[in-house]
Structures are given as C-alpha cells and as structure tokens.
Protein backbone atom coordinates (compact mmCIF):
# COMPACT_ATOMS: atom_id res chain seq x y z
CA MET A 1 42.87 161.15 -33.84
CA VAL A 2 46.14 159.27 -33.34
CA ARG A 3 49.80 159.79 -34.23
CA ILE A 4 51.30 157.63 -37.00
CA GLU A 5 54.61 156.22 -35.75
CA GLY A 6 55.77 154.45 -38.90
CA ILE A 7 55.00 153.58 -42.52
CA VAL A 8 55.34 150.04 -43.88
CA PRO A 9 57.67 149.98 -46.93
CA ASP A 10 55.92 149.63 -50.32
CA SER A 11 52.52 150.03 -48.66
CA ILE A 12 49.52 152.06 -49.84
CA ALA A 13 50.38 154.75 -47.29
CA MET A 14 53.92 155.09 -48.62
CA GLU A 15 52.70 155.30 -52.22
CA CYS A 16 50.20 158.03 -51.24
CA GLY A 17 52.81 160.09 -49.43
CA ILE A 18 51.53 159.72 -45.87
CA LEU A 19 54.45 160.32 -43.51
CA GLU A 20 55.64 159.20 -40.11
CA LYS A 21 54.48 161.63 -37.36
CA ASP A 22 51.39 162.63 -39.37
CA ILE A 23 48.20 162.63 -37.30
CA LEU A 24 45.40 160.34 -38.51
CA ILE A 25 42.19 162.35 -38.07
CA SER A 26 39.47 160.36 -39.81
CA ILE A 27 38.59 157.74 -42.40
CA SER A 28 35.65 158.61 -44.68
CA GLY A 29 34.52 161.24 -42.21
CA HIS A 30 34.64 158.97 -39.17
CA GLU A 31 36.96 160.10 -36.37
CA ILE A 32 39.62 157.52 -35.48
CA SER A 33 40.37 157.09 -31.79
CA ASP A 34 41.55 153.47 -31.55
CA VAL A 35 42.16 150.24 -33.42
CA LEU A 36 38.48 149.29 -33.59
CA ASP A 37 37.59 152.51 -35.40
CA TYR A 38 40.58 152.03 -37.69
CA ARG A 39 39.78 148.45 -38.66
CA PHE A 40 36.04 149.00 -38.99
CA TYR A 41 36.21 152.02 -41.29
CA LEU A 42 39.12 150.57 -43.24
CA GLN A 43 37.06 147.70 -44.62
CA GLU A 44 35.59 149.63 -47.57
CA THR A 45 37.26 149.70 -51.00
CA ASP A 46 36.96 153.47 -51.53
CA ILE A 47 37.99 155.60 -48.56
CA ASP A 48 38.96 159.19 -47.81
CA VAL A 49 41.83 159.45 -45.30
CA LEU A 50 42.27 162.80 -43.53
CA ILE A 51 45.59 163.48 -41.84
CA GLN A 52 47.10 166.51 -40.11
CA ARG A 53 50.69 167.54 -40.84
CA GLY A 54 51.71 170.44 -38.67
CA ASP A 55 49.00 173.08 -39.19
CA GLU A 56 47.96 171.58 -42.54
CA PHE A 57 45.10 169.09 -43.14
CA ILE A 58 45.55 166.76 -46.13
CA SER A 59 42.96 164.44 -47.64
CA PHE A 60 43.89 161.25 -49.54
CA GLU A 61 41.29 159.49 -51.73
CA ILE A 62 42.29 155.82 -51.81
CA GLU A 63 41.03 152.82 -53.77
CA LYS A 64 42.03 149.45 -52.34
CA ASP A 65 40.87 145.89 -51.78
CA MET A 66 38.26 145.27 -49.07
CA TYR A 67 39.91 144.99 -45.64
CA GLU A 68 43.34 145.78 -47.17
CA ASP A 69 45.54 147.64 -44.69
CA LEU A 70 47.10 151.00 -45.46
CA GLY A 71 50.45 150.18 -43.89
CA LEU A 72 50.28 152.60 -40.99
CA GLU A 73 52.09 151.78 -37.75
CA PHE A 74 51.09 153.12 -34.33
CA GLU A 75 52.70 153.27 -30.90
CA THR A 76 50.62 150.37 -29.58
CA PRO A 77 48.39 147.75 -31.26
CA LEU A 78 45.38 149.44 -29.62
CA MET A 79 46.55 152.87 -30.86
CA ASP A 80 46.11 154.19 -27.31
CA LYS A 81 46.57 152.95 -23.74
CA LYS A 82 44.93 149.82 -22.38
CA HIS A 83 41.89 150.33 -20.19
CA ARG A 84 42.78 149.43 -16.63
CA CYS A 85 40.42 147.40 -14.46
CA GLU A 86 39.26 149.64 -11.62
CA ILE A 87 37.36 147.01 -9.61
CA LYS A 88 38.67 144.81 -6.81
CA CYS A 89 37.20 141.33 -7.16
CA ILE A 90 37.38 139.21 -4.02
CA PHE A 91 39.19 136.48 -5.99
CA CYS A 92 41.51 138.66 -8.09
CA PHE A 93 44.73 136.76 -8.71
CA ILE A 94 46.78 139.92 -9.24
CA ASP A 95 45.92 141.11 -5.73
CA GLN A 96 47.46 137.86 -4.48
CA LEU A 97 50.87 138.39 -6.06
CA PRO A 98 53.87 139.05 -3.83
CA LYS A 99 55.81 142.28 -4.16
CA GLY A 100 58.91 142.49 -6.33
CA LEU A 101 57.70 140.81 -9.53
CA ARG A 102 57.77 142.35 -13.01
CA GLU A 103 55.72 145.56 -13.16
CA SER A 104 53.61 144.26 -16.07
CA LEU A 105 52.27 141.43 -13.88
CA TYR A 106 50.42 143.92 -11.68
CA PHE A 107 48.47 145.52 -14.54
CA LYS A 108 44.76 144.61 -14.53
CA ASP A 109 43.16 145.01 -17.94
CA ASP A 110 39.42 145.31 -18.53
CA ASP A 111 39.45 146.37 -22.16
CA SER A 112 36.60 145.45 -24.53
CA ARG A 113 38.95 145.87 -27.49
CA LEU A 114 41.28 143.18 -26.11
CA SER A 115 38.24 140.95 -25.69
CA PHE A 116 37.71 141.12 -29.44
CA LEU A 117 41.36 141.10 -30.50
CA HIS A 118 42.90 138.62 -28.07
CA GLY A 119 40.04 136.87 -26.27
CA ASN A 120 40.49 138.67 -22.94
CA TYR A 121 37.52 138.60 -20.56
CA ILE A 122 35.89 141.85 -19.47
CA THR A 123 33.57 142.70 -16.58
CA LEU A 124 31.49 145.35 -18.47
CA THR A 125 31.74 147.66 -15.44
CA ASN A 126 33.76 150.36 -17.21
CA LEU A 127 31.40 150.50 -20.21
CA GLN A 128 28.43 152.77 -20.81
CA GLU A 129 25.44 152.18 -23.09
CA LYS A 130 27.17 154.19 -25.85
CA ASP A 131 30.06 151.70 -25.71
CA ILE A 132 27.65 148.78 -25.99
CA LYS A 133 25.99 150.45 -28.98
CA ARG A 134 29.41 150.88 -30.61
CA ILE A 135 30.17 147.18 -30.11
CA ILE A 136 26.83 146.24 -31.67
CA ASP A 137 27.12 148.73 -34.54
CA MET A 138 30.63 147.55 -35.38
CA ARG A 139 29.65 143.88 -35.02
CA ILE A 140 32.47 143.27 -32.54
CA SER A 141 31.78 139.63 -31.91
CA PRO A 142 32.28 137.50 -29.94
CA VAL A 143 32.54 139.39 -26.67
CA ASN A 144 34.08 137.53 -23.73
CA VAL A 145 32.43 138.45 -20.45
CA SER A 146 33.40 137.67 -16.85
CA VAL A 147 29.91 137.16 -15.43
CA HIS A 148 30.58 135.22 -12.18
CA THR A 149 26.96 135.56 -11.06
CA THR A 150 23.67 136.96 -12.36
CA ASP A 151 22.56 137.94 -8.87
CA SER A 152 22.97 141.73 -9.00
CA ASP A 153 23.70 142.24 -5.31
CA LEU A 154 26.10 139.32 -5.16
CA ARG A 155 27.93 140.51 -8.27
CA CYS A 156 28.40 143.94 -6.66
CA LYS A 157 29.77 142.25 -3.54
CA MET A 158 32.12 139.94 -5.45
CA MET A 159 33.48 142.76 -7.58
CA ASN A 160 33.39 145.54 -4.98
CA ASN A 161 31.74 147.70 -7.62
CA LYS A 162 28.36 149.41 -7.38
CA ARG A 163 27.77 149.16 -11.17
CA ALA A 164 28.49 145.43 -11.38
CA GLY A 165 24.84 144.50 -10.98
CA GLU A 166 23.28 147.02 -13.34
CA THR A 167 25.73 146.21 -16.17
CA LEU A 168 24.27 142.70 -16.41
CA LYS A 169 21.60 144.33 -18.63
CA TYR A 170 24.30 144.67 -21.31
CA LEU A 171 24.14 140.91 -21.84
CA GLU A 172 20.54 141.23 -23.00
CA MET A 173 21.55 144.13 -25.24
CA PHE A 174 24.24 141.95 -26.81
CA LYS A 175 21.68 139.22 -27.38
CA ASN A 176 19.21 141.59 -29.03
CA GLY A 177 22.02 143.10 -31.10
CA GLY A 178 23.16 139.72 -32.42
CA ILE A 179 26.52 139.75 -30.63
CA GLU A 180 27.91 136.35 -29.67
CA ILE A 181 28.76 135.96 -25.97
CA CYS A 182 31.36 133.71 -24.38
CA ALA A 183 31.01 133.81 -20.60
CA GLN A 184 33.22 132.93 -17.68
CA ILE A 185 32.31 132.17 -14.09
CA VAL A 186 35.12 132.23 -11.54
CA LEU A 187 33.64 130.13 -8.77
CA CYS A 188 34.33 130.95 -5.14
CA ARG A 189 33.42 128.21 -2.68
CA GLY A 190 30.48 129.18 -0.51
CA ILE A 191 29.97 132.48 -2.36
CA ASN A 192 28.63 132.04 -5.90
CA ASP A 193 28.31 128.25 -6.06
CA GLY A 194 25.28 126.20 -4.98
CA LYS A 195 21.93 127.98 -5.49
CA ALA A 196 23.68 131.10 -6.82
CA LEU A 197 25.41 129.05 -9.52
CA GLU A 198 22.15 127.31 -10.41
CA LYS A 199 20.46 130.69 -10.94
CA THR A 200 23.38 131.97 -13.00
CA LEU A 201 23.36 128.97 -15.34
CA HIS A 202 19.62 129.24 -15.99
CA ASP A 203 19.80 133.01 -16.50
CA LEU A 204 22.66 132.67 -18.98
CA ALA A 205 20.88 129.90 -20.88
CA LYS A 206 18.17 132.45 -21.75
CA LEU A 207 20.75 134.30 -23.84
CA TYR A 208 20.89 131.44 -26.35
CA PRO A 209 21.42 131.43 -29.34
CA GLN A 210 23.80 134.38 -28.81
CA LEU A 211 25.34 132.58 -25.84
CA ASN A 212 28.14 130.45 -27.24
CA SER A 213 29.37 128.80 -24.04
CA VAL A 214 30.16 129.32 -20.37
CA ALA A 215 33.36 128.24 -18.58
CA ILE A 216 33.19 127.52 -14.86
CA VAL A 217 36.64 127.71 -13.24
CA PRO A 218 37.72 127.58 -9.58
CA SER A 219 39.25 130.69 -8.04
CA GLY A 220 43.02 130.44 -7.73
CA LEU A 221 44.22 131.09 -4.21
CA THR A 222 47.85 131.86 -3.42
CA LYS A 223 49.44 132.05 0.04
CA PHE A 224 49.59 135.86 -0.26
CA ARG A 225 45.99 136.59 0.84
CA GLU A 226 46.62 138.43 4.08
CA GLY A 227 44.03 141.20 4.45
CA LEU A 228 41.95 139.92 1.51
CA PHE A 229 38.45 138.45 1.49
CA PRO A 230 38.53 134.99 3.17
CA LEU A 231 38.11 132.25 0.56
CA GLU A 232 38.44 128.46 0.78
CA PRO A 233 39.80 126.23 -1.98
CA PHE A 234 37.55 123.60 -3.53
CA ASP A 235 38.06 120.04 -2.31
CA LYS A 236 36.97 116.73 -3.81
CA GLU A 237 33.44 116.78 -2.42
CA SER A 238 32.66 120.41 -3.30
CA SER A 239 34.15 119.96 -6.79
CA LEU A 240 31.94 116.93 -7.39
CA ARG A 241 28.88 118.99 -6.47
CA VAL A 242 29.85 121.67 -8.96
CA ILE A 243 30.41 119.12 -11.73
CA GLU A 244 27.12 117.38 -11.05
CA MET A 245 25.18 120.67 -11.17
CA VAL A 246 26.85 121.84 -14.37
CA GLU A 247 26.47 118.52 -16.17
CA SER A 248 22.82 118.06 -15.13
CA THR A 249 22.01 121.62 -16.28
CA ASN A 250 23.71 120.88 -19.59
CA GLU A 251 21.54 117.81 -20.06
CA MET A 252 18.42 119.89 -19.41
CA TYR A 253 19.24 122.43 -22.11
CA TRP A 254 20.58 119.84 -24.54
CA HIS A 255 16.99 118.76 -25.10
CA LEU A 256 16.13 122.36 -26.06
CA TYR A 257 19.20 123.50 -27.98
CA ASN A 258 21.00 120.27 -28.98
CA LYS A 259 24.22 121.87 -27.68
CA ASN A 260 26.33 121.89 -24.55
CA LEU A 261 26.45 125.39 -23.06
CA PHE A 262 28.26 124.93 -19.73
CA PHE A 263 31.71 123.50 -19.12
CA CYS A 264 33.72 122.96 -15.95
CA SER A 265 37.44 123.52 -16.28
CA ASP A 266 39.72 120.49 -16.19
CA GLU A 267 40.88 121.57 -12.74
CA PHE A 268 37.49 120.74 -11.23
CA TYR A 269 37.69 117.19 -12.62
CA LEU A 270 41.24 116.74 -11.35
CA ILE A 271 40.33 117.94 -7.84
CA ALA A 272 37.24 115.72 -7.86
CA GLU A 273 39.33 112.75 -9.10
CA LYS A 274 36.74 112.26 -11.82
CA ASN A 275 37.38 111.31 -15.45
CA ILE A 276 37.43 114.23 -17.87
CA PRO A 277 34.59 114.00 -20.45
CA GLU A 278 35.21 112.52 -23.88
CA ASP A 279 36.17 114.50 -26.96
CA ALA A 280 32.60 114.90 -28.32
CA TYR A 281 31.43 116.59 -25.09
CA TYR A 282 33.57 119.66 -25.78
CA GLU A 283 32.25 120.10 -29.34
CA ASP A 284 34.42 122.90 -30.83
CA TYR A 285 36.50 123.43 -27.64
CA SER A 286 35.34 127.05 -27.51
CA GLN A 287 36.55 127.48 -23.92
CA ILE A 288 39.92 125.74 -24.16
CA GLU A 289 41.79 128.96 -23.25
CA ASN A 290 40.01 128.76 -19.88
CA GLY A 291 41.45 125.30 -19.29
CA VAL A 292 38.23 123.63 -20.43
CA GLY A 293 38.89 120.37 -22.25
CA MET A 294 42.58 121.15 -22.60
CA LEU A 295 43.69 117.75 -21.30
CA ARG A 296 41.18 115.86 -23.46
CA SER A 297 42.24 117.78 -26.56
CA PHE A 298 45.88 117.15 -25.65
CA GLU A 299 45.32 113.40 -25.38
CA VAL A 300 43.34 113.20 -28.63
CA GLU A 301 46.15 115.01 -30.47
CA LEU A 302 48.75 112.80 -28.82
CA ASP A 303 46.96 109.57 -29.81
CA SER A 304 46.48 110.79 -33.35
CA PHE A 305 50.13 111.78 -33.73
CA LEU A 306 51.40 108.48 -32.33
CA ASP A 307 49.57 106.69 -35.14
CA THR A 308 51.68 108.60 -37.71
CA LEU A 309 55.11 107.66 -36.30
CA SER A 310 57.46 105.88 -38.69
CA GLU A 311 59.35 102.75 -37.70
CA ASP A 312 62.58 104.76 -37.46
CA GLU A 313 60.95 107.29 -35.15
CA LYS A 314 59.71 104.49 -32.91
CA LYS A 315 63.36 103.38 -32.47
CA ILE A 316 64.62 106.78 -31.25
CA ASN A 317 66.82 106.48 -28.15
CA ARG A 318 66.59 109.34 -25.64
CA SER A 319 66.91 110.00 -21.92
CA ILE A 320 65.00 113.09 -20.81
CA SER A 321 62.95 114.57 -17.96
CA ILE A 322 59.70 116.49 -17.52
CA ALA A 323 58.68 118.97 -14.82
CA THR A 324 54.99 119.63 -14.33
CA GLY A 325 52.50 120.82 -11.74
CA ALA A 326 50.80 118.63 -9.17
CA SER A 327 47.40 118.74 -10.91
CA ALA A 328 48.64 117.40 -14.27
CA TYR A 329 51.26 115.00 -12.89
CA GLU A 330 49.22 111.79 -13.20
CA PHE A 331 47.95 112.83 -16.63
CA ILE A 332 51.50 113.46 -17.89
CA LYS A 333 52.59 110.08 -16.53
CA LYS A 334 49.77 108.46 -18.48
CA CYS A 335 50.74 110.28 -21.69
CA VAL A 336 54.41 109.38 -21.35
CA GLY A 337 53.39 105.76 -20.82
CA LYS A 338 51.47 105.82 -24.10
CA ILE A 339 54.50 107.20 -25.93
CA GLN A 340 56.82 104.62 -24.36
CA SER A 341 54.50 101.81 -25.48
CA HIS A 342 55.24 102.91 -29.06
CA CYS A 343 58.84 104.04 -28.52
CA GLN A 344 60.49 101.63 -26.12
CA ASN A 345 63.92 103.31 -26.16
CA ILE A 346 62.62 106.48 -24.48
CA VAL A 347 63.65 106.90 -20.84
CA CYS A 348 61.79 109.70 -19.07
CA GLU A 349 61.83 110.95 -15.50
CA ILE A 350 58.70 112.90 -14.52
CA TYR A 351 58.90 115.34 -11.62
CA LYS A 352 55.96 116.80 -9.74
CA ILE A 353 56.82 120.37 -8.77
CA GLU A 354 55.15 121.70 -5.63
CA ASN A 355 54.43 125.41 -5.83
CA ASN A 356 56.36 126.79 -2.87
CA PHE A 357 56.47 130.25 -4.44
CA PHE A 358 52.69 130.86 -4.57
CA GLY A 359 51.60 128.14 -2.14
CA HIS A 360 50.59 124.51 -2.48
CA THR A 361 46.99 125.36 -3.38
CA ILE A 362 48.36 126.50 -6.77
CA THR A 363 48.90 123.29 -8.73
CA VAL A 364 48.88 124.23 -12.42
CA ALA A 365 52.04 124.02 -14.51
CA GLY A 366 51.68 127.56 -15.87
CA LEU A 367 52.35 129.10 -12.44
CA ILE A 368 55.51 127.15 -11.65
CA THR A 369 58.47 129.46 -11.15
CA GLY A 370 62.11 129.10 -12.10
CA SER A 371 63.10 129.25 -8.43
CA ASP A 372 60.91 126.22 -7.60
CA LEU A 373 62.33 124.31 -10.56
CA VAL A 374 65.86 124.92 -9.36
CA LYS A 375 65.18 124.09 -5.69
CA GLN A 376 63.33 120.87 -6.44
CA LEU A 377 65.34 119.55 -9.41
CA LEU A 378 68.90 120.38 -8.38
CA GLY A 379 70.87 117.15 -8.22
CA LYS A 380 68.06 115.09 -9.82
CA LYS A 381 68.45 112.88 -12.87
CA LEU A 382 67.42 115.16 -15.73
CA GLY A 383 68.83 113.40 -18.78
CA GLU A 384 69.87 115.23 -21.93
CA GLU A 385 66.96 117.65 -21.86
CA LEU A 386 64.30 118.94 -19.45
CA LEU A 387 60.84 119.58 -20.88
CA ILE A 388 58.55 122.19 -19.34
CA SER A 389 55.25 123.73 -20.40
CA ARG A 390 55.69 126.87 -22.47
CA SER A 391 53.02 128.45 -20.26
CA MET A 392 55.60 128.75 -17.43
CA LEU A 393 57.28 131.56 -19.38
CA ARG A 394 56.00 134.95 -20.48
CA SER A 395 54.99 135.29 -24.15
CA GLU A 396 58.52 136.25 -25.19
CA GLY A 397 59.65 132.85 -23.88
CA ASP A 398 62.49 134.19 -21.74
CA LEU A 399 61.31 134.82 -18.15
CA PHE A 400 59.53 132.86 -15.42
CA LEU A 401 57.02 134.59 -13.13
CA CYS A 402 59.62 134.93 -10.37
CA GLY A 403 61.87 136.90 -12.74
CA SER A 404 64.40 134.11 -13.32
CA SER A 405 65.47 133.78 -16.93
CA LEU A 406 65.40 130.52 -18.85
CA GLU A 407 69.16 130.74 -19.31
CA GLU A 408 69.73 131.19 -15.55
CA VAL A 409 67.70 128.11 -14.71
CA GLU A 410 69.46 126.08 -17.41
CA SER A 411 72.83 127.14 -16.02
CA LEU A 412 71.93 126.25 -12.43
CA LEU A 413 70.46 122.85 -13.36
CA GLN A 414 73.14 122.14 -15.95
CA VAL A 415 70.63 120.94 -18.54
CA ASP A 416 69.04 122.25 -21.72
CA ILE A 417 65.42 123.21 -21.10
CA LYS A 418 62.82 122.94 -23.85
CA PRO A 419 59.53 124.83 -23.39
CA VAL A 420 56.79 122.82 -25.09
CA ALA A 421 53.49 124.06 -26.54
CA GLN A 422 50.36 122.75 -24.84
CA ASP A 423 49.24 120.31 -27.51
CA GLY A 424 49.69 116.57 -27.84
CA ALA A 425 51.59 116.54 -31.14
CA SER A 426 54.19 119.04 -29.86
CA PHE A 427 54.58 116.97 -26.70
CA VAL A 428 55.36 113.77 -28.65
CA MET A 429 57.81 115.58 -30.91
CA ALA A 430 59.57 117.15 -27.93
CA LEU A 431 59.81 113.82 -26.15
CA LEU A 432 61.34 112.18 -29.24
CA GLY A 433 63.55 115.16 -30.07
CA LEU A 434 61.84 115.74 -33.42
CA LYS A 435 61.83 119.18 -35.00
CA GLU A 436 58.42 120.82 -35.36
CA VAL A 437 57.51 121.57 -38.96
C-alpha cells in the first residue's frame, strides 16, 4: 500500500472521488507496493481499486481504456525509496569522488525498477528468486544487467559481494522466462580482460536470442583512489587487444545469429587510435547510452543534417567557441571542419579541456567541471557564444559536477554558454545559431 499525494485535475480518480492522502491498498485484489505493481495491474479495462481513508476502506469499480492512468500522484515516481547498492565494486566511480560534492552524487542505485523505467544497470545481487519471478511474471523487459564477468569467483572479488557469483543463474532464468537482456561489462585492465573476457563473451552468447547486446566499457579512474583497489588505465596496446577480441568473437557468432552481440565503447577506439566502426556495425544502436557508437551516430546525423541546409543558412556569419574533453577533441575538430566546408562564414575556436578536477585519466566531456572550464578558458577567445555538451550538467541543466552553476561560469568567462544535446543535428544548429524545432 502507498499514500496518494495528489490527484490530477479532470482525471478518472477525481471523477470517482478518490482524494489526496488516501492510501492505495490494491488494484483488482493485488496489493500495490510500488510503481511496477501499479502499472502492471492498471493495464486492464475493468478494475477494482481499494483505498483506505482513515479507518474506512472504500472500493471503486472503474471502467477505462487499456493502460489508461487513473490520475494518481505519489511522493516519488517509484512510489517508494530507491534501492541502494550495497556492494563495493573495485572500479566503482562513486567511491572515487572527492568529498564536498552534491549529496545526490554519492547515492549508488541498484534498483531493478529503474532498469526497466530508465535503463539503469543492476548487479542482481540484491534480488532473490521471488524478485526474478516477479520480473518474469510482469514481463519487465528488457532488463539491463552489469555482468562484468561470468567467472563466479572473480565476480565475487570484483564486487566484494559473496552473492555476486550465485546470482549469475538469474541470467539463465531470464532467458528461460523470455526476458530480454542488455548486458554491460566494465573492464578492468589485468582483472577481467584477456581469458576472463573471452569466457564471459562466450557464456553470454549462450543467452541468445534473449541476449540483445553487450557493451564493453573501460573502468573510469579518477585521481581520488587512495586506499582503493589498485587499477591501471587502458593504453593503446591493451585497448587494441580488447577490440580485436571483441570483434573476432562477434564475427564468430555472426555466422550463427546473423547479428552483432558485443560492442566496445567509443572510448576504447579513441584510446587505441583506431577508426570507429561504420554505421551498419551498430545496427539499432542498442548500447548508445553506454557510449557505444555515439560518435558514429553523431557523425551520421551531422552529415544528414548538413545536406538539408538552405543557401541562406550556409551564409550565416558567426564567431563562437567549443569546449570538449581530450578524448573527443579530434573528433569535434573533424565535425567542425565539415560544417565549415558548407558554411564558410563560421569561425570556431575549439578548446581541449584537461580534467584537473578528477585527474587527466578522465577524458570524457561529460565529466568536465565548471571550475576547469573557468581556469582553462579565462582570457581565451570565446566569441559570441561558448558551446558545451549538455552532459556536463545535471539533468536540470543548471549545475556542473563541482557544484558551480551555469550562470556563475558564464559570469566569470563573460560569455553566453549553450549546452548542446549529444546528437549531430543539434550540434549543427547550435554552431549556426539556429533554433531547434
């Protein structure tokens, strides 16, 4: 049961007389404890809603369209608290954060409901077989799983959790239950790469056709690792070995399944100084949120949008600047060059921002802080506008990781800053000063 915190105006709930502060007990006899229960049992057209008002229990028989919402509002989207991750992975990025940042940055979630609702990855370690059965019964699919390795002992070591190995059996239960699986492997050099990675890829391939895809990403290492498990960053040679193993394994299973299953993140290709695969390789870009194929998708969108520019748009005159991370710097230069070949009146300064806040091993744009922007751009030629990746800011679009606000950084640099979405069309429009439709 869960407390109703609000009623949407002109909704079914308001018409029925359900009130704010009522307690939702059940739908059609099924107890409601969270958003998954609520959405699952709400899908029918004829339902019986039981609420508690004070000491009184009231039943409402409701006819509605399939999946139509009642108009009830709850304290949180999950209807209860997020499930906190209780394990301590040797590569955990949150454990590598300095003190003094926003409190929300230190929260580790490991919530299967967020996996379904928002694409978050879960370790399975805080689930029991009854939870897996619930996922299967409710057809909660796909499920995004942080696998890392299929070696039980190694998984326990990497996650510092004694259940980490035994919960691998849940993957087979998902397969047998028809639940689609998207998997992630955070690769730690010398730990779960090499032979361990080879075993993991072959084990995961056995989950096909329920296995959708697997992202292989390098562990992110900040300078704040004192007292943590010793890890080394990937270099060019070790990244090439990872790419070669993943691509050769893909080729092997392509002959069986006619589908690519395994994808290295763009970061591996950048470190290895190797060309990112072509558009067709990524198929439906199912792992783009893991940084897999993001640059290729970006460039395809950019090329396509450039072909739609009008003659007037090609004559736009602007002087601007871009700040990006070290890993994407050459790629951004290439993209700007393409735009300038179509729009010759665009002047653009591109600045590579070194990550002094987290350490120089962190090279992605999304982890650049406002303090590093200010220190490295103060006094530089920034033009009429500075473009940054929207990923540098929290979802509300107002704060950098270091706690600096967008307005503070604009004031210190004396320039308007435009956060830009991570797609090629938005990038071209931002560069030309066009309004997004």
